[in-house]
Amino acid sequence: MKPRIHPGSRLVVFRDRAADATFLTRSTADSDRTVEWEDGNTYPLIDVEISSASHPFYTGTSRVLDTAGRVERFERRYGRTATRH
């Protein structure tokens, strides 16, 4: 590796907001927010929407998206005014 061209990595806490899980790992990401970890040290905190703790591939569960209900609600609200070609 060439010296002085790679960003420095450090310990960072990632918090999965969907599963309310936290992970301490090395990363080059930076954050202004910090959190005190179980070992008593303070680390940068980065919130993520999804991780292995909440992703259906890793958890084995699936989420049902109600796309049909959304379409029906849209049609009730605005009607079927668009013409199909």
PDB file of N, CA and C in Angstrom:
ATOM      1  N   MET A   1       0.839  -1.186   0.000  1.00  0.00           N
ATOM      2  CA  MET A   1       0.000   0.000   0.000  1.00  0.00           C
ATOM      3  C   MET A   1       0.881   1.245   0.000  1.00  0.00           C
ATOM      4  N   LYS A   2       0.451   2.230  -0.737  1.00  0.00           N
ATOM      5  CA  LYS A   2       1.174   3.488  -0.757  1.00  0.00           C
ATOM      6  C   LYS A   2       0.891   4.262   0.525  1.00  0.00           C
ATOM      7  N   PRO A   3       1.899   4.877   1.094  1.00  0.00           N
ATOM      8  CA  PRO A   3       1.669   5.636   2.332  1.00  0.00           C
ATOM      9  C   PRO A   3       0.935   6.943   2.053  1.00  0.00           C
ATOM     10  N   ARG A   4       0.155   7.382   3.034  1.00  0.00           N
ATOM     11  CA  ARG A   4      -0.536   8.683   3.063  1.00  0.00           C
ATOM     12  C   ARG A   4      -1.622   8.867   2.007  1.00  0.00           C
ATOM     13  N   ILE A   5      -2.138   7.796   1.378  1.00  0.00           N
ATOM     14  CA  ILE A   5      -3.239   7.981   0.428  1.00  0.00           C
ATOM     15  C   ILE A   5      -4.530   7.336   0.906  1.00  0.00           C
ATOM     16  N   HIS A   6      -4.465   6.511   1.945  1.00  0.00           N
ATOM     17  CA  HIS A   6      -5.655   5.832   2.449  1.00  0.00           C
ATOM     18  C   HIS A   6      -6.176   6.550   3.689  1.00  0.00           C
ATOM     19  N   PRO A   7      -7.491   6.648   3.825  1.00  0.00           N
ATOM     20  CA  PRO A   7      -8.038   7.282   5.033  1.00  0.00           C
ATOM     21  C   PRO A   7      -7.783   6.402   6.253  1.00  0.00           C
ATOM     22  N   GLY A   8      -7.630   7.031   7.375  1.00  0.00           N
ATOM     23  CA  GLY A   8      -7.388   6.298   8.614  1.00  0.00           C
ATOM     24  C   GLY A   8      -8.662   5.647   9.124  1.00  0.00           C
ATOM     25  N   SER A   9      -8.553   4.414   9.584  1.00  0.00           N
ATOM     26  CA  SER A   9      -9.723   3.738  10.158  1.00  0.00           C
ATOM     27  C   SER A   9      -9.634   3.805  11.673  1.00  0.00           C
ATOM     28  N   ARG A  10     -10.777   3.803  12.308  1.00  0.00           N
ATOM     29  CA  ARG A  10     -10.872   3.875  13.767  1.00  0.00           C
ATOM     30  C   ARG A  10     -12.105   3.117  14.210  1.00  0.00           C
ATOM     31  N   LEU A  11     -12.236   2.909  15.493  1.00  0.00           N
ATOM     32  CA  LEU A  11     -13.417   2.234  16.016  1.00  0.00           C
ATOM     33  C   LEU A  11     -14.615   3.187  15.961  1.00  0.00           C
ATOM     34  N   VAL A  12     -15.732   2.682  15.445  1.00  0.00           N
ATOM     35  CA  VAL A  12     -16.962   3.457  15.286  1.00  0.00           C
ATOM     36  C   VAL A  12     -18.133   2.579  15.700  1.00  0.00           C
ATOM     37  N   VAL A  13     -19.145   3.164  16.314  1.00  0.00           N
ATOM     38  CA  VAL A  13     -20.358   2.441  16.686  1.00  0.00           C
ATOM     39  C   VAL A  13     -21.424   2.713  15.634  1.00  0.00           C
ATOM     40  N   PHE A  14     -21.968   1.641  15.062  1.00  0.00           N
ATOM     41  CA  PHE A  14     -23.091   1.736  14.135  1.00  0.00           C
ATOM     42  C   PHE A  14     -24.343   1.301  14.880  1.00  0.00           C
ATOM     43  N   ARG A  15     -25.410   2.102  14.790  1.00  0.00           N
ATOM     44  CA  ARG A  15     -26.674   1.770  15.447  1.00  0.00           C
ATOM     45  C   ARG A  15     -27.733   1.536  14.379  1.00  0.00           C
ATOM     46  N   ASP A  16     -28.301   0.325  14.381  1.00  0.00           N
ATOM     47  CA  ASP A  16     -29.388  -0.027  13.460  1.00  0.00           C
ATOM     48  C   ASP A  16     -30.681   0.452  14.085  1.00  0.00           C
ATOM     49  N   ARG A  17     -31.303   1.429  13.443  1.00  0.00           N
ATOM     50  CA  ARG A  17     -32.524   2.010  14.001  1.00  0.00           C
ATOM     51  C   ARG A  17     -33.717   1.077  13.903  1.00  0.00           C
ATOM     52  N   ALA A  18     -33.733   0.185  12.900  1.00  0.00           N
ATOM     53  CA  ALA A  18     -34.871  -0.714  12.729  1.00  0.00           C
ATOM     54  C   ALA A  18     -34.876  -1.818  13.788  1.00  0.00           C
ATOM     55  N   ALA A  19     -33.701  -2.344  14.130  1.00  0.00           N
ATOM     56  CA  ALA A  19     -33.623  -3.465  15.071  1.00  0.00           C
ATOM     57  C   ALA A  19     -33.166  -3.030  16.457  1.00  0.00           C
ATOM     58  N   ASP A  20     -32.842  -1.754  16.628  1.00  0.00           N
ATOM     59  CA  ASP A  20     -32.320  -1.225  17.887  1.00  0.00           C
ATOM     60  C   ASP A  20     -31.110  -2.035  18.344  1.00  0.00           C
ATOM     61  N   ALA A  21     -30.180  -2.271  17.413  1.00  0.00           N
ATOM     62  CA  ALA A  21     -28.956  -3.009  17.707  1.00  0.00           C
ATOM     63  C   ALA A  21     -27.764  -2.092  17.454  1.00  0.00           C
ATOM     64  N   THR A  22     -26.686  -2.303  18.185  1.00  0.00           N
ATOM     65  CA  THR A  22     -25.474  -1.510  18.003  1.00  0.00           C
ATOM     66  C   THR A  22     -24.293  -2.429  17.747  1.00  0.00           C
ATOM     67  N   PHE A  23     -23.353  -1.943  16.937  1.00  0.00           N
ATOM     68  CA  PHE A  23     -22.171  -2.702  16.571  1.00  0.00           C
ATOM     69  C   PHE A  23     -20.951  -1.807  16.709  1.00  0.00           C
ATOM     70  N   LEU A  24     -19.897  -2.323  17.300  1.00  0.00           N
ATOM     71  CA  LEU A  24     -18.624  -1.621  17.373  1.00  0.00           C
ATOM     72  C   LEU A  24     -17.694  -2.265  16.367  1.00  0.00           C
ATOM     73  N   THR A  25     -17.224  -1.484  15.404  1.00  0.00           N
ATOM     74  CA  THR A  25     -16.368  -2.015  14.355  1.00  0.00           C
ATOM     75  C   THR A  25     -15.423  -0.930  13.866  1.00  0.00           C
ATOM     76  N   ARG A  26     -14.467  -1.309  13.082  1.00  0.00           N
ATOM     77  CA  ARG A  26     -13.535  -0.339  12.493  1.00  0.00           C
ATOM     78  C   ARG A  26     -14.145   0.220  11.209  1.00  0.00           C
ATOM     79  N   SER A  27     -13.969   1.528  11.006  1.00  0.00           N
ATOM     80  CA  SER A  27     -14.508   2.178   9.825  1.00  0.00           C
ATOM     81  C   SER A  27     -13.746   3.466   9.555  1.00  0.00           C
ATOM     82  N   THR A  28     -13.826   3.924   8.324  1.00  0.00           N
ATOM     83  CA  THR A  28     -13.272   5.228   7.974  1.00  0.00           C
ATOM     84  C   THR A  28     -14.330   6.320   8.063  1.00  0.00           C
ATOM     85  N   ALA A  29     -15.579   5.944   8.308  1.00  0.00           N
ATOM     86  CA  ALA A  29     -16.675   6.911   8.404  1.00  0.00           C
ATOM     87  C   ALA A  29     -16.491   7.785   9.635  1.00  0.00           C
ATOM     88  N   ASP A  30     -16.997   9.014   9.559  1.00  0.00           N
ATOM     89  CA  ASP A  30     -16.866   9.958  10.655  1.00  0.00           C
ATOM     90  C   ASP A  30     -18.236  10.518  11.008  1.00  0.00           C
ATOM     91  N   SER A  31     -18.378  10.938  12.238  1.00  0.00           N
ATOM     92  CA  SER A  31     -19.642  11.495  12.700  1.00  0.00           C
ATOM     93  C   SER A  31     -19.369  12.522  13.788  1.00  0.00           C
ATOM     94  N   ASP A  32     -20.251  13.512  13.889  1.00  0.00           N
ATOM     95  CA  ASP A  32     -20.152  14.504  14.957  1.00  0.00           C
ATOM     96  C   ASP A  32     -20.767  13.985  16.252  1.00  0.00           C
ATOM     97  N   ARG A  33     -21.646  13.001  16.140  1.00  0.00           N
ATOM     98  CA  ARG A  33     -22.312  12.437  17.313  1.00  0.00           C
ATOM     99  C   ARG A  33     -21.443  11.354  17.927  1.00  0.00           C
ATOM    100  N   THR A  34     -21.485  11.222  19.239  1.00  0.00           N
ATOM    101  CA  THR A  34     -20.709  10.208  19.939  1.00  0.00           C
ATOM    102  C   THR A  34     -21.601   9.445  20.902  1.00  0.00           C
ATOM    103  N   VAL A  35     -21.111   8.283  21.323  1.00  0.00           N
ATOM    104  CA  VAL A  35     -21.824   7.462  22.281  1.00  0.00           C
ATOM    105  C   VAL A  35     -20.800   6.766  23.174  1.00  0.00           C
ATOM    106  N   GLU A  36     -21.176   6.570  24.425  1.00  0.00           N
ATOM    107  CA  GLU A  36     -20.297   5.830  25.336  1.00  0.00           C
ATOM    108  C   GLU A  36     -20.608   4.353  25.195  1.00  0.00           C
ATOM    109  N   TRP A  37     -19.585   3.557  24.900  1.00  0.00           N
ATOM    110  CA  TRP A  37     -19.734   2.123  24.672  1.00  0.00           C
ATOM    111  C   TRP A  37     -19.623   1.376  25.987  1.00  0.00           C
ATOM    112  N   GLU A  38     -19.883   0.076  25.957  1.00  0.00           N
ATOM    113  CA  GLU A  38     -19.882  -0.772  27.148  1.00  0.00           C
ATOM    114  C   GLU A  38     -18.535  -0.798  27.863  1.00  0.00           C
ATOM    115  N   ASP A  39     -17.451  -0.540  27.135  1.00  0.00           N
ATOM    116  CA  ASP A  39     -16.121  -0.567  27.751  1.00  0.00           C
ATOM    117  C   ASP A  39     -15.757   0.759  28.422  1.00  0.00           C
ATOM    118  N   GLY A  40     -16.675   1.741  28.390  1.00  0.00           N
ATOM    119  CA  GLY A  40     -16.450   3.021  29.033  1.00  0.00           C
ATOM    120  C   GLY A  40     -15.832   4.066  28.127  1.00  0.00           C
ATOM    121  N   ASN A  41     -15.401   3.699  26.942  1.00  0.00           N
ATOM    122  CA  ASN A  41     -14.818   4.644  25.992  1.00  0.00           C
ATOM    123  C   ASN A  41     -15.910   5.299  25.148  1.00  0.00           C
ATOM    124  N   THR A  42     -15.606   6.474  24.605  1.00  0.00           N
ATOM    125  CA  THR A  42     -16.528   7.207  23.752  1.00  0.00           C
ATOM    126  C   THR A  42     -16.095   7.042  22.305  1.00  0.00           C
ATOM    127  N   TYR A  43     -17.063   6.689  21.433  1.00  0.00           N
ATOM    128  CA  TYR A  43     -16.787   6.453  20.023  1.00  0.00           C
ATOM    129  C   TYR A  43     -17.770   7.256  19.170  1.00  0.00           C
ATOM    130  N   PRO A  44     -17.401   7.562  17.919  1.00  0.00           N
ATOM    131  CA  PRO A  44     -18.353   8.199  17.003  1.00  0.00           C
ATOM    132  C   PRO A  44     -19.553   7.282  16.765  1.00  0.00           C
ATOM    133  N   LEU A  45     -20.736   7.859  16.619  1.00  0.00           N
ATOM    134  CA  LEU A  45     -21.977   7.106  16.424  1.00  0.00           C
ATOM    135  C   LEU A  45     -22.541   7.408  15.050  1.00  0.00           C
ATOM    136  N   ILE A  46     -22.848   6.339  14.290  1.00  0.00           N
ATOM    137  CA  ILE A  46     -23.453   6.477  12.979  1.00  0.00           C
ATOM    138  C   ILE A  46     -24.737   5.660  12.960  1.00  0.00           C
ATOM    139  N   ASP A  47     -25.874   6.323  12.672  1.00  0.00           N
ATOM    140  CA  ASP A  47     -27.161   5.637  12.576  1.00  0.00           C
ATOM    141  C   ASP A  47     -27.336   5.098  11.164  1.00  0.00           C
ATOM    142  N   VAL A  48     -27.783   3.848  11.073  1.00  0.00           N
ATOM    143  CA  VAL A  48     -28.080   3.225   9.783  1.00  0.00           C
ATOM    144  C   VAL A  48     -29.519   2.734   9.805  1.00  0.00           C
ATOM    145  N   GLU A  49     -30.143   2.684   8.642  1.00  0.00           N
ATOM    146  CA  GLU A  49     -31.538   2.253   8.552  1.00  0.00           C
ATOM    147  C   GLU A  49     -31.677   0.739   8.599  1.00  0.00           C
ATOM    148  N   ILE A  50     -30.691   0.032   8.077  1.00  0.00           N
ATOM    149  CA  ILE A  50     -30.788  -1.418   8.012  1.00  0.00           C
ATOM    150  C   ILE A  50     -29.391  -2.019   8.113  1.00  0.00           C
ATOM    151  N   SER A  51     -29.295  -3.151   8.785  1.00  0.00           N
ATOM    152  CA  SER A  51     -28.027  -3.865   8.920  1.00  0.00           C
ATOM    153  C   SER A  51     -28.339  -5.359   8.945  1.00  0.00           C
ATOM    154  N   SER A  52     -27.339  -6.161   9.265  1.00  0.00           N
ATOM    155  CA  SER A  52     -27.576  -7.605   9.325  1.00  0.00           C
ATOM    156  C   SER A  52     -28.546  -7.970  10.447  1.00  0.00           C
ATOM    157  N   ALA A  53     -28.732  -7.095  11.419  1.00  0.00           N
ATOM    158  CA  ALA A  53     -29.670  -7.371  12.513  1.00  0.00           C
ATOM    159  C   ALA A  53     -31.124  -7.209  12.093  1.00  0.00           C
ATOM    160  N   SER A  54     -31.373  -6.471  11.005  1.00  0.00           N
ATOM    161  CA  SER A  54     -32.759  -6.239  10.602  1.00  0.00           C
ATOM    162  C   SER A  54     -33.039  -6.612   9.150  1.00  0.00           C
ATOM    163  N   HIS A  55     -32.025  -6.935   8.369  1.00  0.00           N
ATOM    164  CA  HIS A  55     -32.234  -7.261   6.960  1.00  0.00           C
ATOM    165  C   HIS A  55     -32.879  -8.642   6.832  1.00  0.00           C
ATOM    166  N   PRO A  56     -33.922  -8.784   6.015  1.00  0.00           N
ATOM    167  CA  PRO A  56     -34.624 -10.070   5.880  1.00  0.00           C
ATOM    168  C   PRO A  56     -33.729 -11.214   5.415  1.00  0.00           C
ATOM    169  N   PHE A  57     -32.709 -10.947   4.643  1.00  0.00           N
ATOM    170  CA  PHE A  57     -31.815 -12.013   4.185  1.00  0.00           C
ATOM    171  C   PHE A  57     -31.104 -12.668   5.358  1.00  0.00           C
ATOM    172  N   TYR A  58     -30.692 -11.882   6.339  1.00  0.00           N
ATOM    173  CA  TYR A  58     -29.958 -12.407   7.490  1.00  0.00           C
ATOM    174  C   TYR A  58     -30.873 -12.899   8.601  1.00  0.00           C
ATOM    175  N   THR A  59     -32.047 -12.290   8.749  1.00  0.00           N
ATOM    176  CA  THR A  59     -32.931 -12.674   9.846  1.00  0.00           C
ATOM    177  C   THR A  59     -33.862 -13.821   9.475  1.00  0.00           C
ATOM    178  N   GLY A  60     -34.072 -14.055   8.182  1.00  0.00           N
ATOM    179  CA  GLY A  60     -34.968 -15.122   7.752  1.00  0.00           C
ATOM    180  C   GLY A  60     -36.424 -14.732   7.752  1.00  0.00           C
ATOM    181  N   THR A  61     -36.718 -13.496   8.063  1.00  0.00           N
ATOM    182  CA  THR A  61     -38.098 -13.015   8.039  1.00  0.00           C
ATOM    183  C   THR A  61     -38.278 -12.123   6.825  1.00  0.00           C
ATOM    184  N   SER A  62     -39.507 -11.967   6.421  1.00  0.00           N
ATOM    185  CA  SER A  62     -39.771 -11.087   5.286  1.00  0.00           C
ATOM    186  C   SER A  62     -40.823 -10.072   5.672  1.00  0.00           C
ATOM    187  N   ARG A  63     -40.731  -8.921   5.067  1.00  0.00           N
ATOM    188  CA  ARG A  63     -41.725  -7.872   5.287  1.00  0.00           C
ATOM    189  C   ARG A  63     -42.688  -7.877   4.121  1.00  0.00           C
ATOM    190  N   VAL A  64     -43.949  -7.662   4.419  1.00  0.00           N
ATOM    191  CA  VAL A  64     -44.962  -7.599   3.372  1.00  0.00           C
ATOM    192  C   VAL A  64     -45.214  -6.138   3.055  1.00  0.00           C
ATOM    193  N   LEU A  65     -44.964  -5.764   1.815  1.00  0.00           N
ATOM    194  CA  LEU A  65     -45.242  -4.397   1.387  1.00  0.00           C
ATOM    195  C   LEU A  65     -46.635  -4.340   0.811  1.00  0.00           C
ATOM    196  N   ASP A  66     -47.402  -3.391   1.244  1.00  0.00           N
ATOM    197  CA  ASP A  66     -48.788  -3.264   0.825  1.00  0.00           C
ATOM    198  C   ASP A  66     -48.879  -2.364  -0.394  1.00  0.00           C
ATOM    199  N   THR A  67     -48.353  -2.830  -1.515  1.00  0.00           N
ATOM    200  CA  THR A  67     -48.403  -1.996  -2.715  1.00  0.00           C
ATOM    201  C   THR A  67     -49.808  -1.940  -3.279  1.00  0.00           C
ATOM    202  N   ALA A  68     -50.557  -3.014  -3.165  1.00  0.00           N
ATOM    203  CA  ALA A  68     -51.926  -2.997  -3.690  1.00  0.00           C
ATOM    204  C   ALA A  68     -52.780  -2.005  -2.920  1.00  0.00           C
ATOM    205  N   GLY A  69     -52.636  -1.964  -1.633  1.00  0.00           N
ATOM    206  CA  GLY A  69     -53.387  -1.012  -0.829  1.00  0.00           C
ATOM    207  C   GLY A  69     -53.036   0.419  -1.162  1.00  0.00           C
ATOM    208  N   ARG A  70     -51.785   0.670  -1.469  1.00  0.00           N
ATOM    209  CA  ARG A  70     -51.366   2.020  -1.841  1.00  0.00           C
ATOM    210  C   ARG A  70     -51.979   2.431  -3.172  1.00  0.00           C
ATOM    211  N   VAL A  71     -52.016   1.502  -4.122  1.00  0.00           N
ATOM    212  CA  VAL A  71     -52.601   1.804  -5.427  1.00  0.00           C
ATOM    213  C   VAL A  71     -54.091   2.070  -5.279  1.00  0.00           C
ATOM    214  N   GLU A  72     -54.772   1.226  -4.516  1.00  0.00           N
ATOM    215  CA  GLU A  72     -56.211   1.426  -4.315  1.00  0.00           C
ATOM    216  C   GLU A  72     -56.494   2.753  -3.622  1.00  0.00           C
ATOM    217  N   ARG A  73     -55.702   3.101  -2.652  1.00  0.00           N
ATOM    218  CA  ARG A  73     -55.908   4.364  -1.951  1.00  0.00           C
ATOM    219  C   ARG A  73     -55.670   5.544  -2.895  1.00  0.00           C
ATOM    220  N   PHE A  74     -54.653   5.435  -3.761  1.00  0.00           N
ATOM    221  CA  PHE A  74     -54.393   6.485  -4.751  1.00  0.00           C
ATOM    222  C   PHE A  74     -55.567   6.623  -5.710  1.00  0.00           C
ATOM    223  N   GLU A  75     -56.101   5.488  -6.189  1.00  0.00           N
ATOM    224  CA  GLU A  75     -57.218   5.537  -7.130  1.00  0.00           C
ATOM    225  C   GLU A  75     -58.473   6.091  -6.478  1.00  0.00           C
ATOM    226  N   ARG A  76     -58.717   5.772  -5.212  1.00  0.00           N
ATOM    227  CA  ARG A  76     -59.873   6.343  -4.523  1.00  0.00           C
ATOM    228  C   ARG A  76     -59.721   7.848  -4.362  1.00  0.00           C
ATOM    229  N   ARG A  77     -58.519   8.272  -4.077  1.00  0.00           N
ATOM    230  CA  ARG A  77     -58.271   9.694  -3.846  1.00  0.00           C
ATOM    231  C   ARG A  77     -58.331  10.506  -5.129  1.00  0.00           C
ATOM    232  N   TYR A  78     -57.731   9.996  -6.199  1.00  0.00           N
ATOM    233  CA  TYR A  78     -57.627  10.778  -7.435  1.00  0.00           C
ATOM    234  C   TYR A  78     -58.420  10.219  -8.585  1.00  0.00           C
ATOM    235  N   GLY A  79     -58.968   9.026  -8.437  1.00  0.00           N
ATOM    236  CA  GLY A  79     -59.750   8.428  -9.512  1.00  0.00           C
ATOM    237  C   GLY A  79     -58.873   7.940 -10.646  1.00  0.00           C
ATOM    238  N   ARG A  80     -59.509   7.290 -11.605  1.00  0.00           N
ATOM    239  CA  ARG A  80     -58.779   6.781 -12.770  1.00  0.00           C
ATOM    240  C   ARG A  80     -58.943   7.764 -13.916  1.00  0.00           C
ATOM    241  N   THR A  81     -58.197   8.850 -13.877  1.00  0.00           N
ATOM    242  CA  THR A  81     -58.331   9.871 -14.906  1.00  0.00           C
ATOM    243  C   THR A  81     -57.353   9.666 -16.048  1.00  0.00           C
ATOM    244  N   ALA A  82     -56.301   8.933 -15.823  1.00  0.00           N
ATOM    245  CA  ALA A  82     -55.307   8.712 -16.887  1.00  0.00           C
ATOM    246  C   ALA A  82     -55.830   7.707 -17.890  1.00  0.00           C
ATOM    247  N   THR A  83     -55.591   7.984 -19.150  1.00  0.00           N
ATOM    248  CA  THR A  83     -56.002   7.038 -20.209  1.00  0.00           C
ATOM    249  C   THR A  83     -54.842   6.139 -20.549  1.00  0.00           C
ATOM    250  N   ARG A  84     -55.154   4.920 -20.886  1.00  0.00           N
ATOM    251  CA  ARG A  84     -54.114   3.949 -21.242  1.00  0.00           C
ATOM    252  C   ARG A  84     -53.983   3.883 -22.742  1.00  0.00           C
ATOM    253  N   HIS A  85     -52.761   3.780 -23.205  1.00  0.00           N
ATOM    254  CA  HIS A  85     -52.491   3.683 -24.642  1.00  0.00           C
ATOM    255  C   HIS A  85     -51.996   2.302 -24.969  1.00  0.00           C
TER     256      HIS A  85
END
